Amino acid sequence: MPANRLSGRGGFDYLDGAGGEDVLTGGTEGNIFHVSLGHDVVTDFAAGDQIEVALGTAFDSFAEVMAVATQSGANVMLTFNSGTTLDLQNVSLGSLGAEDFLFA
């Protein structure tokens, strides 16, 4: 059972599950989904949204993130380590670009 279900509203939203197993659903435009610890699912990642990765120097570039990304059916799974994953539902690996990521 997910620890948190966070849903955005209209406009820009910043969604951070802050650890645990979280389901994140953005608002209508330009959302930022924060990744730190835990096993999170983003249900509606779309053009204009960004993923903020806050995992230190091990993952501070697009190339490092793509090295742990796999296509799993209709979803992209980012497995940063055994305690931190991000499931981007209905996203194609080939559609992700450097502009989709921020590094904190």
PDB file of N, CA and C in Angstrom:
ATOM      1  N   MET A   1       0.840  -1.176   0.000  1.00  0.00           N
ATOM      2  CA  MET A   1       0.000   0.000   0.000  1.00  0.00           C
ATOM      3  C   MET A   1       0.888   1.243   0.000  1.00  0.00           C
ATOM      4  N   PRO A   2       0.671   2.172  -0.933  1.00  0.00           N
ATOM      5  CA  PRO A   2       1.488   3.380  -0.988  1.00  0.00           C
ATOM      6  C   PRO A   2       1.397   4.202   0.292  1.00  0.00           C
ATOM      7  N   ALA A   3       2.521   4.810   0.660  1.00  0.00           N
ATOM      8  CA  ALA A   3       2.561   5.659   1.849  1.00  0.00           C
ATOM      9  C   ALA A   3       1.792   6.950   1.608  1.00  0.00           C
ATOM     10  N   ASN A   4       1.927   7.503   0.415  1.00  0.00           N
ATOM     11  CA  ASN A   4       1.287   8.778   0.096  1.00  0.00           C
ATOM     12  C   ASN A   4       0.731   8.733  -1.314  1.00  0.00           C
ATOM     13  N   ARG A   5      -0.383   9.395  -1.511  1.00  0.00           N
ATOM     14  CA  ARG A   5      -0.931   9.641  -2.851  1.00  0.00           C
ATOM     15  C   ARG A   5      -1.023  11.151  -2.974  1.00  0.00           C
ATOM     16  N   LEU A   6      -0.160  11.699  -3.815  1.00  0.00           N
ATOM     17  CA  LEU A   6      -0.135  13.146  -3.987  1.00  0.00           C
ATOM     18  C   LEU A   6      -0.673  13.501  -5.364  1.00  0.00           C
ATOM     19  N   SER A   7      -1.582  14.450  -5.406  1.00  0.00           N
ATOM     20  CA  SER A   7      -2.176  14.876  -6.672  1.00  0.00           C
ATOM     21  C   SER A   7      -2.069  16.382  -6.799  1.00  0.00           C
ATOM     22  N   GLY A   8      -1.628  16.808  -7.984  1.00  0.00           N
ATOM     23  CA  GLY A   8      -1.561  18.228  -8.262  1.00  0.00           C
ATOM     24  C   GLY A   8      -2.913  18.771  -8.673  1.00  0.00           C
ATOM     25  N   ARG A   9      -2.944  20.034  -8.895  1.00  0.00           N
ATOM     26  CA  ARG A   9      -4.163  20.726  -9.336  1.00  0.00           C
ATOM     27  C   ARG A   9      -3.842  21.393 -10.669  1.00  0.00           C
ATOM     28  N   GLY A  10      -4.615  22.377 -11.046  1.00  0.00           N
ATOM     29  CA  GLY A  10      -4.337  23.127 -12.257  1.00  0.00           C
ATOM     30  C   GLY A  10      -3.053  23.915 -12.123  1.00  0.00           C
ATOM     31  N   GLY A  11      -2.302  24.023 -13.197  1.00  0.00           N
ATOM     32  CA  GLY A  11      -1.065  24.789 -13.179  1.00  0.00           C
ATOM     33  C   GLY A  11       0.117  23.997 -12.653  1.00  0.00           C
ATOM     34  N   PHE A  12       1.175  24.703 -12.287  1.00  0.00           N
ATOM     35  CA  PHE A  12       2.430  24.111 -11.827  1.00  0.00           C
ATOM     36  C   PHE A  12       2.264  23.470 -10.454  1.00  0.00           C
ATOM     37  N   ASP A  13       2.821  22.266 -10.299  1.00  0.00           N
ATOM     38  CA  ASP A  13       2.836  21.598  -8.995  1.00  0.00           C
ATOM     39  C   ASP A  13       4.211  20.999  -8.747  1.00  0.00           C
ATOM     40  N   TYR A  14       4.651  21.042  -7.499  1.00  0.00           N
ATOM     41  CA  TYR A  14       5.890  20.402  -7.046  1.00  0.00           C
ATOM     42  C   TYR A  14       5.471  19.264  -6.132  1.00  0.00           C
ATOM     43  N   LEU A  15       5.749  18.022  -6.550  1.00  0.00           N
ATOM     44  CA  LEU A  15       5.299  16.854  -5.802  1.00  0.00           C
ATOM     45  C   LEU A  15       6.492  16.081  -5.260  1.00  0.00           C
ATOM     46  N   ASP A  16       6.534  15.907  -3.940  1.00  0.00           N
ATOM     47  CA  ASP A  16       7.627  15.223  -3.256  1.00  0.00           C
ATOM     48  C   ASP A  16       7.026  14.265  -2.236  1.00  0.00           C
ATOM     49  N   GLY A  17       7.159  12.969  -2.515  1.00  0.00           N
ATOM     50  CA  GLY A  17       6.631  11.975  -1.590  1.00  0.00           C
ATOM     51  C   GLY A  17       7.431  11.847  -0.318  1.00  0.00           C
ATOM     52  N   ALA A  18       8.649  12.367  -0.299  1.00  0.00           N
ATOM     53  CA  ALA A  18       9.499  12.404   0.901  1.00  0.00           C
ATOM     54  C   ALA A  18       9.733  11.022   1.509  1.00  0.00           C
ATOM     55  N   GLY A  19      10.088  10.065   0.684  1.00  0.00           N
ATOM     56  CA  GLY A  19      10.380   8.719   1.171  1.00  0.00           C
ATOM     57  C   GLY A  19       9.156   7.827   1.152  1.00  0.00           C
ATOM     58  N   GLY A  20       9.379   6.549   1.286  1.00  0.00           N
ATOM     59  CA  GLY A  20       8.277   5.596   1.282  1.00  0.00           C
ATOM     60  C   GLY A  20       7.868   5.205  -0.119  1.00  0.00           C
ATOM     61  N   GLU A  21       6.699   4.626  -0.229  1.00  0.00           N
ATOM     62  CA  GLU A  21       6.136   4.209  -1.510  1.00  0.00           C
ATOM     63  C   GLU A  21       5.001   5.164  -1.848  1.00  0.00           C
ATOM     64  N   ASP A  22       5.225   5.973  -2.877  1.00  0.00           N
ATOM     65  CA  ASP A  22       4.310   7.064  -3.166  1.00  0.00           C
ATOM     66  C   ASP A  22       3.782   6.999  -4.596  1.00  0.00           C
ATOM     67  N   VAL A  23       2.558   7.454  -4.777  1.00  0.00           N
ATOM     68  CA  VAL A  23       1.957   7.606  -6.097  1.00  0.00           C
ATOM     69  C   VAL A  23       1.761   9.098  -6.323  1.00  0.00           C
ATOM     70  N   LEU A  24       2.395   9.613  -7.371  1.00  0.00           N
ATOM     71  CA  LEU A  24       2.388  11.041  -7.659  1.00  0.00           C
ATOM     72  C   LEU A  24       1.663  11.296  -8.974  1.00  0.00           C
ATOM     73  N   THR A  25       0.689  12.192  -8.950  1.00  0.00           N
ATOM     74  CA  THR A  25      -0.062  12.577 -10.138  1.00  0.00           C
ATOM     75  C   THR A  25      -0.036  14.094 -10.217  1.00  0.00           C
ATOM     76  N   GLY A  26       0.511  14.615 -11.295  1.00  0.00           N
ATOM     77  CA  GLY A  26       0.666  16.060 -11.421  1.00  0.00           C
ATOM     78  C   GLY A  26      -0.612  16.773 -11.788  1.00  0.00           C
ATOM     79  N   GLY A  27      -0.484  18.082 -11.884  1.00  0.00           N
ATOM     80  CA  GLY A  27      -1.597  18.917 -12.319  1.00  0.00           C
ATOM     81  C   GLY A  27      -1.617  18.995 -13.834  1.00  0.00           C
ATOM     82  N   THR A  28      -2.051  20.109 -14.352  1.00  0.00           N
ATOM     83  CA  THR A  28      -2.266  20.211 -15.791  1.00  0.00           C
ATOM     84  C   THR A  28      -1.049  20.666 -16.583  1.00  0.00           C
ATOM     85  N   GLU A  29      -0.060  21.280 -15.944  1.00  0.00           N
ATOM     86  CA  GLU A  29       1.076  21.756 -16.739  1.00  0.00           C
ATOM     87  C   GLU A  29       2.328  21.992 -15.894  1.00  0.00           C
ATOM     88  N   GLY A  30       3.487  21.643 -16.448  1.00  0.00           N
ATOM     89  CA  GLY A  30       4.768  21.988 -15.875  1.00  0.00           C
ATOM     90  C   GLY A  30       5.024  21.516 -14.466  1.00  0.00           C
ATOM     91  N   ASN A  31       4.797  20.253 -14.190  1.00  0.00           N
ATOM     92  CA  ASN A  31       5.002  19.713 -12.843  1.00  0.00           C
ATOM     93  C   ASN A  31       6.456  19.313 -12.621  1.00  0.00           C
ATOM     94  N   ILE A  32       6.874  19.352 -11.361  1.00  0.00           N
ATOM     95  CA  ILE A  32       8.172  18.811 -10.969  1.00  0.00           C
ATOM     96  C   ILE A  32       7.914  17.688  -9.975  1.00  0.00           C
ATOM     97  N   PHE A  33       8.453  16.506 -10.299  1.00  0.00           N
ATOM     98  CA  PHE A  33       8.347  15.337  -9.436  1.00  0.00           C
ATOM     99  C   PHE A  33       9.706  15.128  -8.783  1.00  0.00           C
ATOM    100  N   HIS A  34       9.773  15.233  -7.469  1.00  0.00           N
ATOM    101  CA  HIS A  34      11.031  15.143  -6.721  1.00  0.00           C
ATOM    102  C   HIS A  34      11.317  13.681  -6.347  1.00  0.00           C
ATOM    103  N   VAL A  35      12.544  13.234  -6.640  1.00  0.00           N
ATOM    104  CA  VAL A  35      12.965  11.873  -6.310  1.00  0.00           C
ATOM    105  C   VAL A  35      14.092  11.934  -5.294  1.00  0.00           C
ATOM    106  N   SER A  36      13.884  11.317  -4.128  1.00  0.00           N
ATOM    107  CA  SER A  36      14.970  11.212  -3.165  1.00  0.00           C
ATOM    108  C   SER A  36      15.087   9.766  -2.716  1.00  0.00           C
ATOM    109  N   LEU A  37      14.260   9.302  -1.815  1.00  0.00           N
ATOM    110  CA  LEU A  37      14.320   7.923  -1.339  1.00  0.00           C
ATOM    111  C   LEU A  37      12.957   7.269  -1.478  1.00  0.00           C
ATOM    112  N   GLY A  38      12.933   5.977  -1.657  1.00  0.00           N
ATOM    113  CA  GLY A  38      11.676   5.246  -1.699  1.00  0.00           C
ATOM    114  C   GLY A  38      11.360   4.720  -3.081  1.00  0.00           C
ATOM    115  N   HIS A  39      10.180   4.143  -3.188  1.00  0.00           N
ATOM    116  CA  HIS A  39       9.706   3.534  -4.425  1.00  0.00           C
ATOM    117  C   HIS A  39       8.474   4.302  -4.881  1.00  0.00           C
ATOM    118  N   ASP A  40       8.664   5.170  -5.861  1.00  0.00           N
ATOM    119  CA  ASP A  40       7.605   6.064  -6.291  1.00  0.00           C
ATOM    120  C   ASP A  40       7.092   5.726  -7.685  1.00  0.00           C
ATOM    121  N   VAL A  41       5.839   6.094  -7.927  1.00  0.00           N
ATOM    122  CA  VAL A  41       5.192   5.931  -9.224  1.00  0.00           C
ATOM    123  C   VAL A  41       4.678   7.296  -9.657  1.00  0.00           C
ATOM    124  N   VAL A  42       4.994   7.691 -10.888  1.00  0.00           N
ATOM    125  CA  VAL A  42       4.430   8.904 -11.477  1.00  0.00           C
ATOM    126  C   VAL A  42       3.422   8.446 -12.523  1.00  0.00           C
ATOM    127  N   THR A  43       2.184   8.838 -12.336  1.00  0.00           N
ATOM    128  CA  THR A  43       1.112   8.323 -13.188  1.00  0.00           C
ATOM    129  C   THR A  43       0.918   9.090 -14.493  1.00  0.00           C
ATOM    130  N   ASP A  44       1.405  10.330 -14.568  1.00  0.00           N
ATOM    131  CA  ASP A  44       1.060  11.163 -15.729  1.00  0.00           C
ATOM    132  C   ASP A  44       2.204  12.064 -16.197  1.00  0.00           C
ATOM    133  N   PHE A  45       3.437  11.542 -16.216  1.00  0.00           N
ATOM    134  CA  PHE A  45       4.558  12.349 -16.697  1.00  0.00           C
ATOM    135  C   PHE A  45       4.320  12.714 -18.157  1.00  0.00           C
ATOM    136  N   ALA A  46       4.455  14.002 -18.482  1.00  0.00           N
ATOM    137  CA  ALA A  46       4.156  14.482 -19.832  1.00  0.00           C
ATOM    138  C   ALA A  46       5.133  15.585 -20.231  1.00  0.00           C
ATOM    139  N   ALA A  47       5.079  15.964 -21.503  1.00  0.00           N
ATOM    140  CA  ALA A  47       5.923  17.052 -22.004  1.00  0.00           C
ATOM    141  C   ALA A  47       5.735  18.278 -21.122  1.00  0.00           C
ATOM    142  N   GLY A  48       6.837  18.913 -20.749  1.00  0.00           N
ATOM    143  CA  GLY A  48       6.805  20.090 -19.883  1.00  0.00           C
ATOM    144  C   GLY A  48       7.009  19.773 -18.419  1.00  0.00           C
ATOM    145  N   ASP A  49       6.829  18.506 -18.041  1.00  0.00           N
ATOM    146  CA  ASP A  49       7.103  18.081 -16.665  1.00  0.00           C
ATOM    147  C   ASP A  49       8.593  17.812 -16.511  1.00  0.00           C
ATOM    148  N   GLN A  50       9.062  17.802 -15.265  1.00  0.00           N
ATOM    149  CA  GLN A  50      10.460  17.482 -14.987  1.00  0.00           C
ATOM    150  C   GLN A  50      10.558  16.597 -13.753  1.00  0.00           C
ATOM    151  N   ILE A  51      11.638  15.831 -13.718  1.00  0.00           N
ATOM    152  CA  ILE A  51      11.956  14.991 -12.571  1.00  0.00           C
ATOM    153  C   ILE A  51      13.171  15.592 -11.891  1.00  0.00           C
ATOM    154  N   GLU A  52      13.034  15.928 -10.621  1.00  0.00           N
ATOM    155  CA  GLU A  52      14.153  16.467  -9.850  1.00  0.00           C
ATOM    156  C   GLU A  52      14.789  15.316  -9.076  1.00  0.00           C
ATOM    157  N   VAL A  53      16.041  15.021  -9.404  1.00  0.00           N
ATOM    158  CA  VAL A  53      16.766  13.921  -8.774  1.00  0.00           C
ATOM    159  C   VAL A  53      17.678  14.495  -7.698  1.00  0.00           C
ATOM    160  N   ALA A  54      17.480  14.054  -6.451  1.00  0.00           N
ATOM    161  CA  ALA A  54      18.274  14.541  -5.316  1.00  0.00           C
ATOM    162  C   ALA A  54      18.934  13.341  -4.640  1.00  0.00           C
ATOM    163  N   LEU A  55      19.867  12.727  -5.355  1.00  0.00           N
ATOM    164  CA  LEU A  55      20.522  11.519  -4.855  1.00  0.00           C
ATOM    165  C   LEU A  55      22.037  11.663  -4.793  1.00  0.00           C
ATOM    166  N   GLY A  56      22.533  12.879  -4.743  1.00  0.00           N
ATOM    167  CA  GLY A  56      23.965  13.109  -4.611  1.00  0.00           C
ATOM    168  C   GLY A  56      24.717  12.920  -5.913  1.00  0.00           C
ATOM    169  N   THR A  57      26.026  12.807  -5.792  1.00  0.00           N
ATOM    170  CA  THR A  57      26.880  12.786  -6.977  1.00  0.00           C
ATOM    171  C   THR A  57      26.788  11.503  -7.787  1.00  0.00           C
ATOM    172  N   ALA A  58      26.237  10.439  -7.217  1.00  0.00           N
ATOM    173  CA  ALA A  58      26.093   9.192  -7.980  1.00  0.00           C
ATOM    174  C   ALA A  58      25.114   9.373  -9.144  1.00  0.00           C
ATOM    175  N   PHE A  59      24.165  10.294  -8.997  1.00  0.00           N
ATOM    176  CA  PHE A  59      23.171  10.554 -10.034  1.00  0.00           C
ATOM    177  C   PHE A  59      22.981  12.053 -10.189  1.00  0.00           C
ATOM    178  N   ASP A  60      23.963  12.672 -10.823  1.00  0.00           N
ATOM    179  CA  ASP A  60      23.859  14.114 -11.023  1.00  0.00           C
ATOM    180  C   ASP A  60      24.015  14.509 -12.492  1.00  0.00           C
ATOM    181  N   SER A  61      23.691  13.572 -13.387  1.00  0.00           N
ATOM    182  CA  SER A  61      23.712  13.881 -14.814  1.00  0.00           C
ATOM    183  C   SER A  61      22.675  13.014 -15.533  1.00  0.00           C
ATOM    184  N   PHE A  62      22.266  13.472 -16.686  1.00  0.00           N
ATOM    185  CA  PHE A  62      21.313  12.731 -17.499  1.00  0.00           C
ATOM    186  C   PHE A  62      21.874  11.359 -17.868  1.00  0.00           C
ATOM    187  N   ALA A  63      23.146  11.295 -18.222  1.00  0.00           N
ATOM    188  CA  ALA A  63      23.766  10.012 -18.606  1.00  0.00           C
ATOM    189  C   ALA A  63      23.719   9.002 -17.460  1.00  0.00           C
ATOM    190  N   GLU A  64      23.957   9.455 -16.239  1.00  0.00           N
ATOM    191  CA  GLU A  64      23.923   8.547 -15.083  1.00  0.00           C
ATOM    192  C   GLU A  64      22.505   8.034 -14.817  1.00  0.00           C
ATOM    193  N   VAL A  65      21.532   8.886 -15.008  1.00  0.00           N
ATOM    194  CA  VAL A  65      20.139   8.452 -14.822  1.00  0.00           C
ATOM    195  C   VAL A  65      19.743   7.473 -15.920  1.00  0.00           C
ATOM    196  N   MET A  66      20.113   7.755 -17.156  1.00  0.00           N
ATOM    197  CA  MET A  66      19.746   6.863 -18.255  1.00  0.00           C
ATOM    198  C   MET A  66      20.426   5.495 -18.141  1.00  0.00           C
ATOM    199  N   ALA A  67      21.563   5.452 -17.456  1.00  0.00           N
ATOM    200  CA  ALA A  67      22.263   4.181 -17.264  1.00  0.00           C
ATOM    201  C   ALA A  67      21.475   3.217 -16.375  1.00  0.00           C
ATOM    202  N   VAL A  68      20.532   3.724 -15.576  1.00  0.00           N
ATOM    203  CA  VAL A  68      19.732   2.866 -14.691  1.00  0.00           C
ATOM    204  C   VAL A  68      18.276   2.797 -15.137  1.00  0.00           C
ATOM    205  N   ALA A  69      17.995   3.298 -16.339  1.00  0.00           N
ATOM    206  CA  ALA A  69      16.638   3.327 -16.866  1.00  0.00           C
ATOM    207  C   ALA A  69      16.396   2.129 -17.779  1.00  0.00           C
ATOM    208  N   THR A  70      15.232   1.505 -17.648  1.00  0.00           N
ATOM    209  CA  THR A  70      14.838   0.412 -18.530  1.00  0.00           C
ATOM    210  C   THR A  70      13.380   0.588 -18.929  1.00  0.00           C
ATOM    211  N   GLN A  71      13.066   0.073 -20.099  1.00  0.00           N
ATOM    212  CA  GLN A  71      11.673   0.034 -20.532  1.00  0.00           C
ATOM    213  C   GLN A  71      11.072  -1.244 -19.991  1.00  0.00           C
ATOM    214  N   SER A  72       9.962  -1.143 -19.284  1.00  0.00           N
ATOM    215  CA  SER A  72       9.279  -2.304 -18.716  1.00  0.00           C
ATOM    216  C   SER A  72       7.820  -2.251 -19.159  1.00  0.00           C
ATOM    217  N   GLY A  73       7.520  -2.911 -20.261  1.00  0.00           N
ATOM    218  CA  GLY A  73       6.186  -2.786 -20.838  1.00  0.00           C
ATOM    219  C   GLY A  73       5.964  -1.366 -21.301  1.00  0.00           C
ATOM    220  N   ALA A  74       4.873  -0.767 -20.871  1.00  0.00           N
ATOM    221  CA  ALA A  74       4.550   0.605 -21.259  1.00  0.00           C
ATOM    222  C   ALA A  74       5.235   1.646 -20.381  1.00  0.00           C
ATOM    223  N   ASN A  75       5.987   1.200 -19.361  1.00  0.00           N
ATOM    224  CA  ASN A  75       6.560   2.117 -18.377  1.00  0.00           C
ATOM    225  C   ASN A  75       8.075   2.183 -18.467  1.00  0.00           C
ATOM    226  N   VAL A  76       8.627   3.280 -17.961  1.00  0.00           N
ATOM    227  CA  VAL A  76      10.073   3.402 -17.758  1.00  0.00           C
ATOM    228  C   VAL A  76      10.343   3.213 -16.275  1.00  0.00           C
ATOM    229  N   MET A  77      11.267   2.322 -15.960  1.00  0.00           N
ATOM    230  CA  MET A  77      11.655   2.076 -14.570  1.00  0.00           C
ATOM    231  C   MET A  77      13.072   2.598 -14.372  1.00  0.00           C
ATOM    232  N   LEU A  78      13.224   3.484 -13.389  1.00  0.00           N
ATOM    233  CA  LEU A  78      14.542   3.982 -12.988  1.00  0.00           C
ATOM    234  C   LEU A  78      14.871   3.315 -11.658  1.00  0.00           C
ATOM    235  N   THR A  79      15.906   2.478 -11.652  1.00  0.00           N
ATOM    236  CA  THR A  79      16.312   1.772 -10.435  1.00  0.00           C
ATOM    237  C   THR A  79      17.646   2.346  -9.984  1.00  0.00           C
ATOM    238  N   PHE A  80      17.574   3.319  -9.095  1.00  0.00           N
ATOM    239  CA  PHE A  80      18.767   4.007  -8.624  1.00  0.00           C
ATOM    240  C   PHE A  80      19.572   3.120  -7.680  1.00  0.00           C
ATOM    241  N   ASN A  81      18.891   2.399  -6.806  1.00  0.00           N
ATOM    242  CA  ASN A  81      19.498   1.407  -5.910  1.00  0.00           C
ATOM    243  C   ASN A  81      18.349   0.574  -5.348  1.00  0.00           C
ATOM    244  N   SER A  82      18.641  -0.361  -4.473  1.00  0.00           N
ATOM    245  CA  SER A  82      17.590  -1.262  -3.985  1.00  0.00           C
ATOM    246  C   SER A  82      16.501  -0.538  -3.191  1.00  0.00           C
ATOM    247  N   GLY A  83      16.802   0.643  -2.684  1.00  0.00           N
ATOM    248  CA  GLY A  83      15.830   1.381  -1.888  1.00  0.00           C
ATOM    249  C   GLY A  83      15.199   2.560  -2.594  1.00  0.00           C
ATOM    250  N   THR A  84      15.574   2.788  -3.858  1.00  0.00           N
ATOM    251  CA  THR A  84      15.074   3.962  -4.555  1.00  0.00           C
ATOM    252  C   THR A  84      14.781   3.639  -6.016  1.00  0.00           C
ATOM    253  N   THR A  85      13.488   3.664  -6.352  1.00  0.00           N
ATOM    254  CA  THR A  85      13.069   3.450  -7.731  1.00  0.00           C
ATOM    255  C   THR A  85      12.020   4.479  -8.108  1.00  0.00           C
ATOM    256  N   LEU A  86      11.895   4.685  -9.414  1.00  0.00           N
ATOM    257  CA  LEU A  86      10.859   5.566  -9.939  1.00  0.00           C
ATOM    258  C   LEU A  86      10.256   4.893 -11.162  1.00  0.00           C
ATOM    259  N   ASP A  87       8.951   4.710 -11.149  1.00  0.00           N
ATOM    260  CA  ASP A  87       8.211   4.096 -12.239  1.00  0.00           C
ATOM    261  C   ASP A  87       7.434   5.195 -12.949  1.00  0.00           C
ATOM    262  N   LEU A  88       7.794   5.465 -14.191  1.00  0.00           N
ATOM    263  CA  LEU A  88       7.095   6.468 -14.996  1.00  0.00           C
ATOM    264  C   LEU A  88       6.089   5.726 -15.868  1.00  0.00           C
ATOM    265  N   GLN A  89       4.832   5.803 -15.504  1.00  0.00           N
ATOM    266  CA  GLN A  89       3.814   5.042 -16.210  1.00  0.00           C
ATOM    267  C   GLN A  89       3.509   5.636 -17.580  1.00  0.00           C
ATOM    268  N   ASN A  90       3.372   4.718 -18.552  1.00  0.00           N
ATOM    269  CA  ASN A  90       3.024   5.091 -19.932  1.00  0.00           C
ATOM    270  C   ASN A  90       3.996   6.096 -20.544  1.00  0.00           C
ATOM    271  N   VAL A  91       5.291   5.858 -20.307  1.00  0.00           N
ATOM    272  CA  VAL A  91       6.356   6.705 -20.855  1.00  0.00           C
ATOM    273  C   VAL A  91       7.309   5.819 -21.634  1.00  0.00           C
ATOM    274  N   SER A  92       7.726   6.289 -22.798  1.00  0.00           N
ATOM    275  CA  SER A  92       8.709   5.581 -23.609  1.00  0.00           C
ATOM    276  C   SER A  92      10.107   6.073 -23.255  1.00  0.00           C
ATOM    277  N   LEU A  93      11.021   5.154 -23.085  1.00  0.00           N
ATOM    278  CA  LEU A  93      12.406   5.506 -22.742  1.00  0.00           C
ATOM    279  C   LEU A  93      12.991   6.474 -23.766  1.00  0.00           C
ATOM    280  N   GLY A  94      12.684   6.241 -25.037  1.00  0.00           N
ATOM    281  CA  GLY A  94      13.208   7.105 -26.093  1.00  0.00           C
ATOM    282  C   GLY A  94      12.655   8.520 -26.077  1.00  0.00           C
ATOM    283  N   SER A  95      11.578   8.749 -25.352  1.00  0.00           N
ATOM    284  CA  SER A  95      10.985  10.098 -25.306  1.00  0.00           C
ATOM    285  C   SER A  95      11.641  10.976 -24.249  1.00  0.00           C
ATOM    286  N   LEU A  96      12.456  10.404 -23.381  1.00  0.00           N
ATOM    287  CA  LEU A  96      13.091  11.181 -22.306  1.00  0.00           C
ATOM    288  C   LEU A  96      14.347  11.872 -22.809  1.00  0.00           C
ATOM    289  N   GLY A  97      14.510  13.136 -22.425  1.00  0.00           N
ATOM    290  CA  GLY A  97      15.691  13.905 -22.774  1.00  0.00           C
ATOM    291  C   GLY A  97      16.247  14.624 -21.560  1.00  0.00           C
ATOM    292  N   ALA A  98      17.418  15.200 -21.713  1.00  0.00           N
ATOM    293  CA  ALA A  98      18.068  15.897 -20.604  1.00  0.00           C
ATOM    294  C   ALA A  98      17.191  16.992 -20.025  1.00  0.00           C
ATOM    295  N   GLU A  99      16.357  17.606 -20.856  1.00  0.00           N
ATOM    296  CA  GLU A  99      15.482  18.688 -20.390  1.00  0.00           C
ATOM    297  C   GLU A  99      14.406  18.201 -19.423  1.00  0.00           C
ATOM    298  N   ASP A 100      14.212  16.892 -19.344  1.00  0.00           N
ATOM    299  CA  ASP A 100      13.208  16.325 -18.446  1.00  0.00           C
ATOM    300  C   ASP A 100      13.705  16.140 -17.019  1.00  0.00           C
ATOM    301  N   PHE A 101      14.981  16.446 -16.770  1.00  0.00           N
ATOM    302  CA  PHE A 101      15.584  16.189 -15.455  1.00  0.00           C
ATOM    303  C   PHE A 101      16.245  17.425 -14.874  1.00  0.00           C
ATOM    304  N   LEU A 102      16.108  17.567 -13.565  1.00  0.00           N
ATOM    305  CA  LEU A 102      16.809  18.570 -12.772  1.00  0.00           C
ATOM    306  C   LEU A 102      17.615  17.820 -11.730  1.00  0.00           C
ATOM    307  N   PHE A 103      18.739  18.372 -11.308  1.00  0.00           N
ATOM    308  CA  PHE A 103      19.576  17.699 -10.315  1.00  0.00           C
ATOM    309  C   PHE A 103      19.820  18.633  -9.142  1.00  0.00           C
ATOM    310  N   ALA A 104      19.475  18.134  -7.938  1.00  0.00           N
ATOM    311  CA  ALA A 104      19.588  18.953  -6.726  1.00  0.00           C
ATOM    312  C   ALA A 104      20.759  18.497  -5.884  1.00  0.00           C
TER     313      ALA A 104
END
